[in-house]
Amino acid sequence: MRKRPQPDLKTTCFLEYRTYIRRSANPLESDLRWLDMAEMRLEEVKSQPLPEPEIRPRGRPKKE
């Protein structure tokens, strides 16, 4: 019976680490893209004038 070769732990750990890094990079990139878009939209909103509030009468209505 032949003995299976033992995996090199340094190589195995490196491959797992590299896979982990690659999988975590995609969500980070999408989060950064979303933050960039939100920042651009905030600058657009800041440049717009504020809407005037609707003035409504206060208190009870007057008796007729």
C-alpha atoms as a PDB file:
ATOM      1  CA  MET A   1       0.000   0.000   0.000  1.00  0.00           C
ATOM      2  CA  ARG A   2       1.417   3.346  -1.030  1.00  0.00           C
ATOM      3  CA  LYS A   3       1.503   6.154   1.442  1.00  0.00           C
ATOM      4  CA  ARG A   4      -0.166   9.380   0.355  1.00  0.00           C
ATOM      5  CA  PRO A   5       2.147  12.359   0.189  1.00  0.00           C
ATOM      6  CA  GLN A   6       1.599  14.834   3.001  1.00  0.00           C
ATOM      7  CA  PRO A   7       0.452  18.286   1.870  1.00  0.00           C
ATOM      8  CA  ASP A   8       2.841  21.120   2.399  1.00  0.00           C
ATOM      9  CA  LEU A   9       1.234  23.171   5.187  1.00  0.00           C
ATOM     10  CA  LYS A  10       2.785  26.438   4.088  1.00  0.00           C
ATOM     11  CA  THR A  11       1.381  26.062   0.567  1.00  0.00           C
ATOM     12  CA  THR A  12      -2.022  24.876   1.822  1.00  0.00           C
ATOM     13  CA  CYS A  13      -2.342  27.754   4.283  1.00  0.00           C
ATOM     14  CA  PHE A  14      -1.235  30.216   1.636  1.00  0.00           C
ATOM     15  CA  LEU A  15      -3.864  28.967  -0.823  1.00  0.00           C
ATOM     16  CA  GLU A  16      -6.610  29.164   1.802  1.00  0.00           C
ATOM     17  CA  TYR A  17      -5.503  32.645   2.824  1.00  0.00           C
ATOM     18  CA  ARG A  18      -5.387  33.812  -0.786  1.00  0.00           C
ATOM     19  CA  THR A  19      -8.888  32.437  -1.408  1.00  0.00           C
ATOM     20  CA  TYR A  20     -10.159  34.196   1.722  1.00  0.00           C
ATOM     21  CA  ILE A  21      -8.623  37.488   0.598  1.00  0.00           C
ATOM     22  CA  ARG A  22     -10.133  37.189  -2.878  1.00  0.00           C
ATOM     23  CA  ARG A  23     -13.594  36.446  -1.494  1.00  0.00           C
ATOM     24  CA  SER A  24     -13.462  39.359   0.923  1.00  0.00           C
ATOM     25  CA  ALA A  25     -12.218  41.785  -1.745  1.00  0.00           C
ATOM     26  CA  ASN A  26     -15.452  41.775  -3.793  1.00  0.00           C
ATOM     27  CA  PRO A  27     -17.749  42.991  -0.983  1.00  0.00           C
ATOM     28  CA  LEU A  28     -15.190  45.623  -0.014  1.00  0.00           C
ATOM     29  CA  GLU A  29     -14.997  46.907  -3.578  1.00  0.00           C
ATOM     30  CA  SER A  30     -18.776  47.115  -3.846  1.00  0.00           C
ATOM     31  CA  ASP A  31     -18.994  48.933  -0.496  1.00  0.00           C
ATOM     32  CA  LEU A  32     -16.404  51.474  -1.646  1.00  0.00           C
ATOM     33  CA  ARG A  33     -18.269  51.982  -4.922  1.00  0.00           C
ATOM     34  CA  TRP A  34     -21.528  52.530  -3.006  1.00  0.00           C
ATOM     35  CA  LEU A  35     -19.850  55.058  -0.696  1.00  0.00           C
ATOM     36  CA  ASP A  36     -18.464  56.965  -3.689  1.00  0.00           C
ATOM     37  CA  MET A  37     -21.909  57.134  -5.278  1.00  0.00           C
ATOM     38  CA  ALA A  38     -23.501  58.249  -1.999  1.00  0.00           C
ATOM     39  CA  GLU A  39     -20.869  60.962  -1.581  1.00  0.00           C
ATOM     40  CA  MET A  40     -21.549  62.307  -5.077  1.00  0.00           C
ATOM     41  CA  ARG A  41     -25.299  62.354  -4.437  1.00  0.00           C
ATOM     42  CA  LEU A  42     -24.817  64.164  -1.123  1.00  0.00           C
ATOM     43  CA  GLU A  43     -22.861  66.896  -2.878  1.00  0.00           C
ATOM     44  CA  GLU A  44     -25.722  67.255  -5.380  1.00  0.00           C
ATOM     45  CA  VAL A  45     -28.274  67.491  -2.581  1.00  0.00           C
ATOM     46  CA  LYS A  46     -26.216  70.079  -0.701  1.00  0.00           C
ATOM     47  CA  SER A  47     -26.131  72.320  -3.769  1.00  0.00           C
ATOM     48  CA  GLN A  48     -29.944  72.337  -4.083  1.00  0.00           C
ATOM     49  CA  PRO A  49     -31.947  75.025  -2.279  1.00  0.00           C
ATOM     50  CA  LEU A  50     -33.937  73.956   0.753  1.00  0.00           C
ATOM     51  CA  PRO A  51     -37.702  73.747   0.210  1.00  0.00           C
ATOM     52  CA  GLU A  52     -39.785  76.413   1.920  1.00  0.00           C
ATOM     53  CA  PRO A  53     -41.962  74.989   4.689  1.00  0.00           C
ATOM     54  CA  GLU A  54     -45.719  75.108   4.192  1.00  0.00           C
ATOM     55  CA  ILE A  55     -47.209  77.724   6.496  1.00  0.00           C
ATOM     56  CA  ARG A  56     -50.349  76.399   8.147  1.00  0.00           C
ATOM     57  CA  PRO A  57     -52.616  78.204  10.580  1.00  0.00           C
ATOM     58  CA  ARG A  58     -52.161  77.138  14.170  1.00  0.00           C
ATOM     59  CA  GLY A  59     -54.686  76.672  16.919  1.00  0.00           C
ATOM     60  CA  ARG A  60     -58.401  76.087  16.756  1.00  0.00           C
ATOM     61  CA  PRO A  61     -60.383  77.230  13.784  1.00  0.00           C
ATOM     62  CA  LYS A  62     -62.318  80.440  14.353  1.00  0.00           C
ATOM     63  CA  LYS A  63     -66.012  80.141  15.177  1.00  0.00           C
ATOM     64  CA  GLU A  64     -68.384  81.520  12.625  1.00  0.00           C
END
